[in-house]
């Protein structure tokens, strides 16, 4: 971009100087020719300064553009992330350490959660970021799928210091009762009621606590 602008300005200067030479040789008046030549020199100098100024401003605009996020990256950028991918990676780092309620493994080890299952969606009308998290139970009849979904929600909500709307879903076709479970883990009242149960809350806390 900058080299293109410089080349065009150089061509413009060359055309002006060439015109000035023709006027001087055909004018028949050396004094007039001298005056034209002097005017051309001033014009060329002015254009040179203008060229430098244009290049400087264009360079500054290029640097400014690099710091501005557009499209789907705009909202993550406002929240302090470089782009949507940076936000996805941050969320995955929170999910990968969640332990399975029954097995001595993490959800990452069992491929219950995965980076490709995290999606940064268009913001709400009130400009709130929306993140969709998909998880894949190990078996289609997993009795702990609701608990896993609850662990995912609590872990992310605690780990992100932002107002982000979470939509958590079982991977399509991965569970026999996925629709009912999806409703449960995305219903604020059901979530609040579940976390008031001391036994269930203890299970969740054990699954999401960070390793020492």
N, C-alpha and C. Protein backbone atom coordinates (compact mmCIF):
# COMPACT_ATOMS: atom_id res chain seq x y z
N UNK A 1 0.83 -1.21 0.00
CA UNK A 1 0.00 0.00 0.00
C UNK A 1 0.87 1.25 0.00
N UNK A 2 1.86 1.31 0.88
CA UNK A 2 2.72 2.49 0.97
C UNK A 2 3.56 2.63 -0.28
N UNK A 3 4.08 1.53 -0.82
CA UNK A 3 4.91 1.60 -2.03
C UNK A 3 4.08 2.06 -3.20
N UNK A 4 2.80 1.65 -3.26
CA UNK A 4 1.91 2.07 -4.34
C UNK A 4 1.69 3.57 -4.29
N UNK A 5 1.44 4.11 -3.11
CA UNK A 5 1.21 5.55 -2.95
C UNK A 5 2.45 6.33 -3.36
N UNK A 6 3.62 5.88 -2.91
CA UNK A 6 4.87 6.56 -3.24
C UNK A 6 5.10 6.57 -4.76
N UNK A 7 4.81 5.41 -5.41
CA UNK A 7 5.02 5.32 -6.86
C UNK A 7 4.10 6.27 -7.60
N UNK A 8 2.84 6.34 -7.19
CA UNK A 8 1.89 7.21 -7.86
C UNK A 8 2.26 8.69 -7.67
N UNK A 9 2.70 9.04 -6.49
CA UNK A 9 3.11 10.41 -6.23
C UNK A 9 4.35 10.77 -7.03
N UNK A 10 5.25 9.79 -7.17
CA UNK A 10 6.47 10.01 -7.95
C UNK A 10 6.13 10.23 -9.41
N UNK A 11 5.18 9.44 -9.94
CA UNK A 11 4.76 9.61 -11.32
C UNK A 11 4.12 10.98 -11.53
N UNK A 12 3.36 11.42 -10.52
CA UNK A 12 2.70 12.73 -10.61
C UNK A 12 3.74 13.84 -10.66
N UNK A 13 4.75 13.77 -9.80
CA UNK A 13 5.82 14.77 -9.79
C UNK A 13 6.57 14.79 -11.10
N UNK A 14 6.82 13.59 -11.67
CA UNK A 14 7.55 13.50 -12.93
C UNK A 14 6.78 14.18 -14.04
N UNK A 15 5.44 14.01 -14.04
CA UNK A 15 4.62 14.63 -15.07
C UNK A 15 4.64 16.13 -14.96
N UNK A 16 4.63 16.68 -13.77
CA UNK A 16 4.65 18.13 -13.57
C UNK A 16 5.98 18.71 -14.01
N UNK A 17 7.06 18.05 -13.64
CA UNK A 17 8.39 18.56 -14.01
C UNK A 17 8.57 18.54 -15.51
N UNK A 18 8.06 17.51 -16.18
CA UNK A 18 8.20 17.43 -17.63
C UNK A 18 7.45 18.56 -18.31
N UNK A 19 6.26 18.87 -17.81
CA UNK A 19 5.47 19.96 -18.36
C UNK A 19 6.17 21.28 -18.19
N UNK A 20 6.82 21.48 -17.08
CA UNK A 20 7.52 22.74 -16.80
C UNK A 20 8.67 22.94 -17.77
N UNK A 21 9.36 21.85 -18.14
CA UNK A 21 10.49 21.95 -19.06
C UNK A 21 10.04 22.37 -20.45
N UNK A 22 8.95 21.81 -20.92
CA UNK A 22 8.43 22.15 -22.24
C UNK A 22 8.04 23.62 -22.29
N UNK A 23 7.38 24.12 -21.26
CA UNK A 23 6.97 25.52 -21.21
C UNK A 23 8.17 26.45 -21.28
N UNK A 24 9.22 26.06 -20.58
CA UNK A 24 10.41 26.90 -20.52
C UNK A 24 11.09 26.97 -21.89
N UNK A 25 11.19 25.86 -22.61
CA UNK A 25 11.92 25.84 -23.88
C UNK A 25 11.12 26.51 -24.99
N UNK A 26 9.80 26.54 -24.88
CA UNK A 26 8.98 27.11 -25.94
C UNK A 26 8.55 28.55 -25.63
N UNK A 27 8.80 29.06 -24.50
CA UNK A 27 8.31 30.38 -24.13
C UNK A 27 9.05 31.48 -24.84
N UNK A 28 10.32 31.29 -25.24
CA UNK A 28 11.12 32.28 -25.94
C UNK A 28 11.61 33.37 -25.02
N UNK A 29 11.32 33.29 -23.75
CA UNK A 29 11.74 34.31 -22.78
C UNK A 29 12.46 33.61 -21.65
N UNK A 30 13.77 33.80 -21.58
CA UNK A 30 14.56 33.09 -20.57
C UNK A 30 14.13 33.46 -19.18
N UNK A 31 13.74 34.73 -19.01
CA UNK A 31 13.31 35.14 -17.67
C UNK A 31 12.05 34.43 -17.28
N UNK A 32 11.11 34.35 -18.28
CA UNK A 32 9.86 33.65 -18.00
C UNK A 32 10.13 32.19 -17.72
N UNK A 33 11.08 31.62 -18.52
CA UNK A 33 11.42 30.21 -18.31
C UNK A 33 11.97 30.00 -16.93
N UNK A 34 12.81 30.92 -16.50
CA UNK A 34 13.40 30.79 -15.18
C UNK A 34 12.34 30.83 -14.11
N UNK A 35 11.34 31.76 -14.33
CA UNK A 35 10.28 31.86 -13.34
C UNK A 35 9.47 30.58 -13.28
N UNK A 36 9.21 29.99 -14.43
CA UNK A 36 8.44 28.74 -14.46
C UNK A 36 9.18 27.64 -13.76
N UNK A 37 10.50 27.62 -14.02
CA UNK A 37 11.31 26.58 -13.38
C UNK A 37 11.27 26.74 -11.88
N UNK A 38 11.34 27.98 -11.40
CA UNK A 38 11.32 28.20 -9.95
C UNK A 38 9.99 27.78 -9.37
N UNK A 39 8.89 28.10 -10.09
CA UNK A 39 7.57 27.70 -9.61
C UNK A 39 7.47 26.19 -9.55
N UNK A 40 8.05 25.52 -10.57
CA UNK A 40 8.01 24.06 -10.58
C UNK A 40 8.76 23.49 -9.39
N UNK A 41 9.88 24.11 -9.03
CA UNK A 41 10.66 23.62 -7.90
C UNK A 41 9.89 23.72 -6.61
N UNK A 42 9.17 24.85 -6.43
CA UNK A 42 8.38 25.03 -5.21
C UNK A 42 7.25 24.01 -5.17
N UNK A 43 6.59 23.81 -6.34
CA UNK A 43 5.49 22.85 -6.40
C UNK A 43 5.97 21.44 -6.10
N UNK A 44 7.13 21.09 -6.66
CA UNK A 44 7.68 19.76 -6.43
C UNK A 44 8.01 19.56 -4.96
N UNK A 45 8.57 20.59 -4.34
CA UNK A 45 8.90 20.50 -2.92
C UNK A 45 7.65 20.32 -2.08
N UNK A 46 6.59 21.11 -2.48
CA UNK A 46 5.34 20.99 -1.74
C UNK A 46 4.74 19.60 -1.87
N UNK A 47 4.83 19.05 -3.12
CA UNK A 47 4.29 17.71 -3.32
C UNK A 47 5.09 16.67 -2.55
N UNK A 48 6.39 16.88 -2.47
CA UNK A 48 7.22 15.96 -1.71
C UNK A 48 6.82 15.95 -0.24
N UNK A 49 6.55 17.14 0.29
CA UNK A 49 6.11 17.21 1.69
C UNK A 49 4.74 16.56 1.86
N UNK A 50 3.86 16.81 0.88
CA UNK A 50 2.54 16.20 0.93
C UNK A 50 2.63 14.67 0.87
N UNK A 51 3.57 14.19 0.03
CA UNK A 51 3.75 12.75 -0.09
C UNK A 51 4.19 12.15 1.23
N UNK A 52 5.16 12.80 1.88
CA UNK A 52 5.63 12.30 3.17
C UNK A 52 4.51 12.30 4.19
N UNK A 53 3.69 13.35 4.16
CA UNK A 53 2.59 13.45 5.12
C UNK A 53 1.55 12.36 4.87
N UNK A 54 1.26 12.11 3.57
CA UNK A 54 0.29 11.08 3.22
C UNK A 54 0.79 9.70 3.62
N UNK A 55 2.07 9.46 3.38
CA UNK A 55 2.65 8.18 3.77
C UNK A 55 2.59 8.00 5.28
N UNK A 56 2.90 9.09 6.01
CA UNK A 56 2.88 9.01 7.48
C UNK A 56 1.48 8.69 7.99
N UNK A 57 0.48 9.39 7.41
CA UNK A 57 -0.89 9.18 7.85
C UNK A 57 -1.38 7.78 7.49
N UNK A 58 -1.01 7.31 6.29
CA UNK A 58 -1.42 5.98 5.87
C UNK A 58 -0.79 4.92 6.76
N UNK A 59 0.48 5.12 7.10
CA UNK A 59 1.16 4.18 7.99
C UNK A 59 0.48 4.15 9.34
N UNK A 60 0.10 5.33 9.84
CA UNK A 60 -0.57 5.40 11.13
C UNK A 60 -1.93 4.71 11.07
N UNK A 61 -2.64 4.91 9.94
CA UNK A 61 -3.94 4.26 9.78
C UNK A 61 -3.78 2.75 9.77
N UNK A 62 -2.72 2.26 9.13
CA UNK A 62 -2.49 0.82 9.08
C UNK A 62 -2.25 0.26 10.48
N UNK A 63 -1.47 1.00 11.28
CA UNK A 63 -1.20 0.55 12.64
C UNK A 63 -2.46 0.59 13.48
N UNK A 64 -3.29 1.62 13.26
CA UNK A 64 -4.53 1.72 14.01
C UNK A 64 -5.48 0.59 13.66
N UNK A 65 -5.53 0.23 12.37
CA UNK A 65 -6.42 -0.84 11.94
C UNK A 65 -6.08 -2.16 12.61
N UNK A 66 -4.79 -2.39 12.85
CA UNK A 66 -4.37 -3.63 13.46
C UNK A 66 -4.88 -3.75 14.89
N UNK A 67 -5.18 -2.63 15.53
CA UNK A 67 -5.62 -2.65 16.92
C UNK A 67 -7.13 -2.66 17.04
N UNK A 68 -7.85 -2.62 15.90
CA UNK A 68 -9.30 -2.58 15.92
C UNK A 68 -9.84 -3.92 15.47
N UNK A 69 -10.77 -4.47 16.25
CA UNK A 69 -11.38 -5.75 15.89
C UNK A 69 -12.72 -5.50 15.22
N UNK A 70 -13.00 -6.29 14.19
CA UNK A 70 -14.24 -6.14 13.46
C UNK A 70 -15.00 -7.47 13.46
N UNK A 71 -16.29 -7.41 13.14
CA UNK A 71 -17.09 -8.62 12.98
C UNK A 71 -17.20 -9.40 14.26
N UNK A 72 -17.03 -10.73 14.15
CA UNK A 72 -17.22 -11.60 15.30
C UNK A 72 -16.17 -11.39 16.39
N UNK A 73 -15.04 -10.77 16.03
CA UNK A 73 -13.99 -10.54 17.02
C UNK A 73 -14.18 -9.26 17.82
N UNK A 74 -15.15 -8.43 17.44
CA UNK A 74 -15.30 -7.12 18.08
C UNK A 74 -15.60 -7.25 19.57
N UNK A 75 -16.59 -8.09 19.92
CA UNK A 75 -16.97 -8.20 21.32
C UNK A 75 -15.91 -8.89 22.17
N UNK A 76 -15.33 -10.03 21.72
CA UNK A 76 -14.22 -10.61 22.49
C UNK A 76 -13.09 -9.61 22.72
N UNK A 77 -12.81 -8.77 21.73
CA UNK A 77 -11.76 -7.77 21.86
C UNK A 77 -12.10 -6.78 22.97
N UNK A 78 -13.35 -6.39 23.07
CA UNK A 78 -13.78 -5.48 24.13
C UNK A 78 -13.64 -6.12 25.51
N UNK A 79 -13.75 -7.45 25.57
CA UNK A 79 -13.64 -8.15 26.85
C UNK A 79 -12.19 -8.43 27.24
N UNK A 80 -11.25 -8.05 26.37
CA UNK A 80 -9.84 -8.23 26.69
C UNK A 80 -9.17 -9.39 25.97
N UNK A 81 -9.87 -10.02 25.02
CA UNK A 81 -9.29 -11.12 24.25
C UNK A 81 -8.89 -10.63 22.87
N UNK A 82 -7.86 -11.23 22.29
CA UNK A 82 -7.38 -10.80 20.98
C UNK A 82 -8.45 -11.00 19.91
N UNK A 83 -9.15 -12.13 20.00
CA UNK A 83 -10.17 -12.46 19.01
C UNK A 83 -11.04 -13.59 19.57
N UNK A 84 -11.96 -14.08 18.74
CA UNK A 84 -12.86 -15.15 19.18
C UNK A 84 -12.09 -16.42 19.53
N UNK A 85 -11.03 -16.71 18.79
CA UNK A 85 -10.24 -17.91 19.06
C UNK A 85 -9.59 -17.84 20.43
N UNK A 86 -9.12 -16.66 20.81
CA UNK A 86 -8.51 -16.48 22.13
C UNK A 86 -9.53 -16.76 23.23
N UNK A 87 -10.76 -16.30 23.04
CA UNK A 87 -11.82 -16.57 24.02
C UNK A 87 -12.14 -18.06 24.07
N UNK A 88 -12.20 -18.72 22.92
CA UNK A 88 -12.46 -20.16 22.88
C UNK A 88 -11.38 -20.93 23.65
N UNK A 89 -10.13 -20.57 23.43
CA UNK A 89 -9.03 -21.27 24.10
C UNK A 89 -9.07 -21.06 25.60
N UNK A 90 -9.45 -19.86 26.03
CA UNK A 90 -9.57 -19.58 27.46
C UNK A 90 -10.64 -20.47 28.10
N UNK A 91 -11.77 -20.59 27.42
CA UNK A 91 -12.85 -21.43 27.94
C UNK A 91 -12.45 -22.90 27.96
N UNK A 92 -11.75 -23.33 26.92
CA UNK A 92 -11.34 -24.74 26.87
C UNK A 92 -10.37 -25.06 28.01
N UNK A 93 -9.51 -24.13 28.33
CA UNK A 93 -8.58 -24.34 29.44
C UNK A 93 -9.32 -24.54 30.76
N UNK A 94 -10.49 -23.91 30.88
CA UNK A 94 -11.31 -24.12 32.08
C UNK A 94 -11.97 -25.49 32.06
N UNK A 95 -12.42 -25.92 30.91
CA UNK A 95 -13.18 -27.18 30.80
C UNK A 95 -12.30 -28.42 30.90
N UNK A 96 -11.11 -28.33 30.37
CA UNK A 96 -10.29 -29.53 30.21
C UNK A 96 -9.93 -30.20 31.55
N UNK A 97 -9.93 -29.44 32.63
CA UNK A 97 -9.53 -29.99 33.93
C UNK A 97 -10.71 -30.52 34.75
N UNK A 98 -11.94 -30.37 34.26
CA UNK A 98 -13.09 -30.90 35.00
C UNK A 98 -12.99 -32.42 35.06
N UNK A 99 -13.18 -32.98 36.24
CA UNK A 99 -13.07 -34.43 36.40
C UNK A 99 -14.42 -35.11 36.18
N UNK A 100 -14.36 -36.30 35.62
CA UNK A 100 -15.56 -37.09 35.44
C UNK A 100 -16.11 -37.50 36.80
N UNK A 101 -17.43 -37.47 36.99
CA UNK A 101 -18.01 -37.81 38.30
C UNK A 101 -17.73 -39.24 38.76
N UNK A 102 -17.48 -40.15 37.81
CA UNK A 102 -17.30 -41.55 38.19
C UNK A 102 -15.89 -42.08 37.94
N UNK A 103 -15.25 -41.60 36.90
CA UNK A 103 -13.96 -42.15 36.51
C UNK A 103 -12.81 -41.22 36.92
N UNK A 104 -11.63 -41.78 37.16
CA UNK A 104 -10.47 -40.96 37.55
C UNK A 104 -9.82 -40.28 36.34
N UNK A 105 -10.64 -39.63 35.53
CA UNK A 105 -10.16 -38.99 34.31
C UNK A 105 -10.80 -37.61 34.20
N UNK A 106 -10.21 -36.78 33.37
CA UNK A 106 -10.80 -35.48 33.10
C UNK A 106 -11.74 -35.59 31.90
N UNK A 107 -12.58 -34.59 31.73
CA UNK A 107 -13.47 -34.59 30.56
C UNK A 107 -12.68 -34.51 29.27
N UNK A 108 -11.50 -33.90 29.33
CA UNK A 108 -10.64 -33.85 28.15
C UNK A 108 -10.12 -35.25 27.82
N UNK A 109 -9.70 -35.99 28.84
CA UNK A 109 -9.19 -37.35 28.62
C UNK A 109 -10.24 -38.24 27.94
N UNK A 110 -11.50 -38.04 28.30
CA UNK A 110 -12.59 -38.87 27.79
C UNK A 110 -13.21 -38.32 26.51
N UNK A 111 -12.67 -37.19 26.04
CA UNK A 111 -13.21 -36.52 24.85
C UNK A 111 -14.67 -36.11 25.01
N UNK A 112 -15.04 -35.84 26.25
CA UNK A 112 -16.38 -35.31 26.52
C UNK A 112 -16.43 -33.84 26.13
N UNK A 113 -15.34 -33.12 26.35
CA UNK A 113 -15.21 -31.73 25.90
C UNK A 113 -14.05 -31.65 24.92
N UNK A 114 -14.13 -30.70 23.98
CA UNK A 114 -13.13 -30.57 22.93
C UNK A 114 -13.20 -29.15 22.40
N UNK A 115 -12.09 -28.68 21.87
CA UNK A 115 -12.01 -27.29 21.41
C UNK A 115 -13.02 -26.98 20.30
N UNK A 116 -13.25 -27.94 19.43
CA UNK A 116 -14.19 -27.71 18.32
C UNK A 116 -15.63 -27.59 18.80
N UNK A 117 -15.87 -27.90 20.06
CA UNK A 117 -17.22 -27.82 20.60
C UNK A 117 -17.52 -26.50 21.28
N UNK A 118 -16.64 -25.51 21.11
CA UNK A 118 -16.85 -24.19 21.71
C UNK A 118 -17.04 -23.19 20.58
N UNK A 119 -18.16 -22.47 20.63
CA UNK A 119 -18.50 -21.55 19.55
C UNK A 119 -18.82 -20.17 20.11
N UNK A 120 -18.20 -19.14 19.55
CA UNK A 120 -18.53 -17.76 19.89
C UNK A 120 -19.61 -17.31 18.92
N UNK A 121 -20.80 -17.06 19.45
CA UNK A 121 -21.97 -16.74 18.65
C UNK A 121 -22.17 -15.22 18.54
N UNK A 122 -23.06 -14.77 17.64
CA UNK A 122 -23.37 -13.34 17.56
C UNK A 122 -23.92 -12.85 18.90
N UNK A 123 -23.60 -11.63 19.29
CA UNK A 123 -24.07 -11.11 20.59
C UNK A 123 -25.57 -10.89 20.62
N UNK A 124 -26.11 -10.78 21.82
CA UNK A 124 -27.53 -10.51 22.00
C UNK A 124 -27.82 -9.06 21.63
N UNK A 125 -29.10 -8.68 21.64
CA UNK A 125 -29.48 -7.30 21.32
C UNK A 125 -28.92 -6.31 22.33
N UNK A 126 -28.68 -6.79 23.55
CA UNK A 126 -28.09 -5.92 24.57
C UNK A 126 -26.57 -5.98 24.56
N UNK A 127 -26.00 -6.55 23.48
CA UNK A 127 -24.55 -6.59 23.26
C UNK A 127 -23.82 -7.45 24.29
N UNK A 128 -24.41 -8.58 24.63
CA UNK A 128 -23.78 -9.55 25.54
C UNK A 128 -23.21 -10.69 24.71
N UNK A 129 -21.98 -11.06 24.99
CA UNK A 129 -21.35 -12.17 24.27
C UNK A 129 -22.10 -13.47 24.53
N UNK A 130 -22.24 -14.27 23.49
CA UNK A 130 -22.90 -15.57 23.60
C UNK A 130 -21.91 -16.66 23.23
N UNK A 131 -21.74 -17.62 24.12
CA UNK A 131 -20.84 -18.74 23.86
C UNK A 131 -21.65 -20.03 23.96
N UNK A 132 -21.54 -20.84 22.95
CA UNK A 132 -22.21 -22.14 22.94
C UNK A 132 -21.17 -23.23 23.19
N UNK A 133 -21.45 -24.09 24.16
CA UNK A 133 -20.54 -25.19 24.49
C UNK A 133 -21.26 -26.51 24.25
N UNK A 134 -20.66 -27.33 23.45
CA UNK A 134 -21.21 -28.65 23.13
C UNK A 134 -20.35 -29.71 23.81
N UNK A 135 -21.00 -30.71 24.41
CA UNK A 135 -20.22 -31.80 24.99
C UNK A 135 -20.81 -33.14 24.58
N UNK A 136 -19.98 -34.16 24.66
CA UNK A 136 -20.34 -35.47 24.13
C UNK A 136 -20.23 -36.54 25.23
N UNK A 137 -21.35 -36.96 25.82
CA UNK A 137 -21.31 -38.01 26.84
C UNK A 137 -20.65 -39.28 26.30
N UNK A 138 -20.05 -40.03 27.18
CA UNK A 138 -19.31 -41.23 26.74
C UNK A 138 -20.24 -42.32 26.20
N UNK A 139 -21.48 -42.37 26.70
CA UNK A 139 -22.46 -43.35 26.21
C UNK A 139 -23.81 -42.66 26.03
N UNK A 140 -24.65 -43.15 25.12
CA UNK A 140 -25.94 -42.50 24.84
C UNK A 140 -26.93 -42.52 26.00
N UNK A 141 -26.69 -43.39 26.99
CA UNK A 141 -27.61 -43.47 28.13
C UNK A 141 -26.93 -42.99 29.42
N UNK A 142 -25.90 -42.16 29.29
CA UNK A 142 -25.16 -41.68 30.46
C UNK A 142 -26.10 -41.02 31.47
N UNK A 143 -26.10 -41.54 32.68
CA UNK A 143 -26.99 -41.03 33.73
C UNK A 143 -26.44 -39.76 34.38
N UNK A 144 -25.20 -39.42 34.07
CA UNK A 144 -24.56 -38.26 34.70
C UNK A 144 -24.41 -37.08 33.73
N UNK A 145 -25.07 -37.14 32.59
CA UNK A 145 -24.94 -36.08 31.60
C UNK A 145 -25.40 -34.73 32.15
N UNK A 146 -26.49 -34.74 32.91
CA UNK A 146 -26.98 -33.49 33.50
C UNK A 146 -25.97 -32.91 34.47
N UNK A 147 -25.38 -33.78 35.29
CA UNK A 147 -24.36 -33.33 36.25
C UNK A 147 -23.15 -32.76 35.52
N UNK A 148 -22.74 -33.40 34.45
CA UNK A 148 -21.59 -32.91 33.67
C UNK A 148 -21.90 -31.53 33.09
N UNK A 149 -23.10 -31.38 32.55
CA UNK A 149 -23.50 -30.08 32.01
C UNK A 149 -23.50 -29.00 33.08
N UNK A 150 -23.94 -29.36 34.26
CA UNK A 150 -23.96 -28.41 35.38
C UNK A 150 -22.53 -28.04 35.78
N UNK A 151 -21.64 -29.01 35.81
CA UNK A 151 -20.23 -28.74 36.13
C UNK A 151 -19.61 -27.78 35.11
N UNK A 152 -19.91 -28.00 33.84
CA UNK A 152 -19.39 -27.13 32.78
C UNK A 152 -19.86 -25.70 32.99
N UNK A 153 -21.14 -25.52 33.28
CA UNK A 153 -21.69 -24.18 33.47
C UNK A 153 -21.04 -23.48 34.67
N UNK A 154 -21.00 -24.15 35.80
CA UNK A 154 -20.46 -23.53 37.02
C UNK A 154 -18.98 -23.18 36.84
N UNK A 155 -18.23 -24.08 36.23
CA UNK A 155 -16.79 -23.86 36.04
C UNK A 155 -16.53 -22.63 35.17
N UNK A 156 -17.25 -22.51 34.07
CA UNK A 156 -17.03 -21.39 33.16
C UNK A 156 -17.52 -20.08 33.78
N UNK A 157 -18.67 -20.10 34.40
CA UNK A 157 -19.20 -18.88 35.00
C UNK A 157 -18.28 -18.35 36.09
N UNK A 158 -17.67 -19.24 36.83
CA UNK A 158 -16.74 -18.80 37.88
C UNK A 158 -15.40 -18.37 37.30
N UNK A 159 -15.01 -18.97 36.20
CA UNK A 159 -13.68 -18.71 35.65
C UNK A 159 -13.58 -17.48 34.78
N UNK A 160 -14.70 -17.01 34.25
CA UNK A 160 -14.67 -15.84 33.38
C UNK A 160 -15.25 -14.62 34.10
N UNK A 161 -14.47 -13.57 34.23
CA UNK A 161 -14.94 -12.37 34.94
C UNK A 161 -15.76 -11.45 34.03
N UNK A 162 -16.59 -12.04 33.17
CA UNK A 162 -17.35 -11.24 32.22
C UNK A 162 -18.81 -11.69 32.22
N UNK A 163 -19.65 -10.83 31.73
CA UNK A 163 -21.06 -11.15 31.56
C UNK A 163 -21.24 -11.84 30.22
N UNK A 164 -21.13 -13.15 30.22
CA UNK A 164 -21.24 -13.93 28.99
C UNK A 164 -22.42 -14.89 29.12
N UNK A 165 -23.24 -14.94 28.11
CA UNK A 165 -24.38 -15.86 28.10
C UNK A 165 -23.89 -17.22 27.61
N UNK A 166 -24.11 -18.24 28.43
CA UNK A 166 -23.67 -19.58 28.09
C UNK A 166 -24.84 -20.44 27.64
N UNK A 167 -24.71 -21.05 26.49
CA UNK A 167 -25.66 -22.04 26.01
C UNK A 167 -24.93 -23.37 25.95
N UNK A 168 -25.35 -24.32 26.78
CA UNK A 168 -24.65 -25.60 26.89
C UNK A 168 -25.56 -26.70 26.36
N UNK A 169 -25.03 -27.50 25.45
CA UNK A 169 -25.83 -28.52 24.79
C UNK A 169 -25.05 -29.82 24.64
N UNK A 170 -25.80 -30.91 24.67
CA UNK A 170 -25.23 -32.21 24.33
C UNK A 170 -25.11 -32.29 22.81
N UNK A 171 -24.05 -32.88 22.35
CA UNK A 171 -23.86 -33.04 20.91
C UNK A 171 -25.07 -33.75 20.31
N UNK A 172 -25.52 -33.25 19.17
CA UNK A 172 -26.71 -33.77 18.52
C UNK A 172 -26.60 -35.27 18.29
N UNK A 173 -27.60 -36.00 18.80
CA UNK A 173 -27.65 -37.44 18.60
C UNK A 173 -26.78 -38.25 19.55
N UNK A 174 -26.15 -37.58 20.54
CA UNK A 174 -25.20 -38.29 21.41
C UNK A 174 -25.85 -38.85 22.67
N UNK A 175 -27.12 -38.49 22.93
CA UNK A 175 -27.79 -38.99 24.14
C UNK A 175 -29.26 -39.24 23.86
N UNK A 176 -29.81 -40.23 24.54
CA UNK A 176 -31.19 -40.62 24.32
C UNK A 176 -32.19 -39.54 24.75
N UNK A 177 -31.85 -38.79 25.77
CA UNK A 177 -32.76 -37.76 26.29
C UNK A 177 -32.11 -36.37 26.21
N UNK A 178 -31.41 -36.10 25.13
CA UNK A 178 -30.64 -34.86 25.03
C UNK A 178 -31.51 -33.61 25.13
N UNK A 179 -32.72 -33.63 24.56
CA UNK A 179 -33.56 -32.44 24.59
C UNK A 179 -33.95 -32.06 26.02
N UNK A 180 -34.34 -33.05 26.81
CA UNK A 180 -34.71 -32.78 28.19
C UNK A 180 -33.51 -32.30 29.01
N UNK A 181 -32.37 -32.91 28.80
CA UNK A 181 -31.16 -32.50 29.53
C UNK A 181 -30.74 -31.09 29.14
N UNK A 182 -30.84 -30.78 27.85
CA UNK A 182 -30.50 -29.43 27.38
C UNK A 182 -31.36 -28.38 28.07
N UNK A 183 -32.64 -28.68 28.24
CA UNK A 183 -33.53 -27.74 28.93
C UNK A 183 -33.11 -27.56 30.38
N UNK A 184 -32.75 -28.64 31.02
CA UNK A 184 -32.38 -28.58 32.44
C UNK A 184 -31.13 -27.74 32.68
N UNK A 185 -30.11 -27.96 31.86
CA UNK A 185 -28.83 -27.28 32.11
C UNK A 185 -28.79 -25.86 31.55
N UNK A 186 -29.90 -25.42 30.93
CA UNK A 186 -29.98 -24.03 30.45
C UNK A 186 -31.13 -23.26 31.10
N UNK A 187 -31.71 -23.85 32.13
CA UNK A 187 -32.80 -23.22 32.87
C UNK A 187 -32.25 -22.65 34.18
N UNK A 188 -32.27 -21.33 34.31
CA UNK A 188 -31.68 -20.68 35.49
C UNK A 188 -32.30 -21.15 36.79
N UNK A 189 -33.60 -21.32 36.81
CA UNK A 189 -34.29 -21.74 38.04
C UNK A 189 -33.90 -23.16 38.43
N UNK A 190 -33.82 -24.05 37.46
CA UNK A 190 -33.42 -25.43 37.76
C UNK A 190 -31.98 -25.50 38.22
N UNK A 191 -31.14 -24.69 37.62
CA UNK A 191 -29.72 -24.66 38.01
C UNK A 191 -29.59 -24.18 39.45
N UNK A 192 -30.30 -23.09 39.77
CA UNK A 192 -30.24 -22.54 41.13
C UNK A 192 -30.75 -23.55 42.15
N UNK A 193 -31.83 -24.24 41.80
CA UNK A 193 -32.40 -25.24 42.72
C UNK A 193 -31.42 -26.40 42.91
N UNK A 194 -30.77 -26.82 41.84
CA UNK A 194 -29.82 -27.92 41.92
C UNK A 194 -28.64 -27.56 42.83
N UNK A 195 -28.14 -26.33 42.71
CA UNK A 195 -26.99 -25.93 43.51
C UNK A 195 -27.35 -25.68 44.97
N UNK A 196 -28.63 -25.64 45.28
CA UNK A 196 -29.05 -25.52 46.68
C UNK A 196 -29.07 -26.88 47.38
N UNK A 197 -29.02 -27.93 46.59
CA UNK A 197 -28.97 -29.28 47.15
C UNK A 197 -27.53 -29.55 47.61
N UNK A 198 -27.31 -29.73 48.92
CA UNK A 198 -25.93 -29.86 49.42
C UNK A 198 -25.17 -31.05 48.84
N UNK A 199 -25.84 -32.17 48.62
CA UNK A 199 -25.16 -33.34 48.07
C UNK A 199 -24.73 -33.11 46.62
N UNK A 200 -25.63 -32.52 45.84
CA UNK A 200 -25.32 -32.24 44.44
C UNK A 200 -24.25 -31.16 44.33
N UNK A 201 -24.34 -30.16 45.19
CA UNK A 201 -23.33 -29.09 45.17
C UNK A 201 -21.95 -29.65 45.50
N UNK A 202 -21.90 -30.59 46.43
CA UNK A 202 -20.60 -31.20 46.78
C UNK A 202 -20.02 -31.97 45.60
N UNK A 203 -20.87 -32.67 44.87
CA UNK A 203 -20.40 -33.41 43.70
C UNK A 203 -19.82 -32.45 42.66
N UNK A 204 -20.53 -31.36 42.44
CA UNK A 204 -20.06 -30.38 41.46
C UNK A 204 -18.72 -29.79 41.89
N UNK A 205 -18.62 -29.41 43.15
CA UNK A 205 -17.39 -28.79 43.65
C UNK A 205 -16.20 -29.74 43.53
N UNK A 206 -16.42 -31.02 43.77
CA UNK A 206 -15.34 -31.99 43.66
C UNK A 206 -14.88 -32.17 42.21
N UNK A 207 -15.83 -32.06 41.30
CA UNK A 207 -15.48 -32.23 39.89
C UNK A 207 -14.76 -31.04 39.30
N UNK A 208 -15.09 -29.85 39.77
CA UNK A 208 -14.54 -28.64 39.12
C UNK A 208 -13.35 -28.04 39.87
N UNK A 209 -13.05 -28.52 41.06
CA UNK A 209 -11.96 -27.90 41.82
C UNK A 209 -10.62 -28.10 41.10
N UNK A 210 -9.79 -27.11 41.21
CA UNK A 210 -8.47 -27.18 40.56
C UNK A 210 -7.55 -28.12 41.32
N UNK A 211 -6.71 -28.82 40.56
CA UNK A 211 -5.75 -29.72 41.19
C UNK A 211 -4.68 -28.91 41.92
N UNK A 212 -4.28 -29.39 43.06
CA UNK A 212 -3.27 -28.68 43.85
C UNK A 212 -1.87 -29.10 43.41
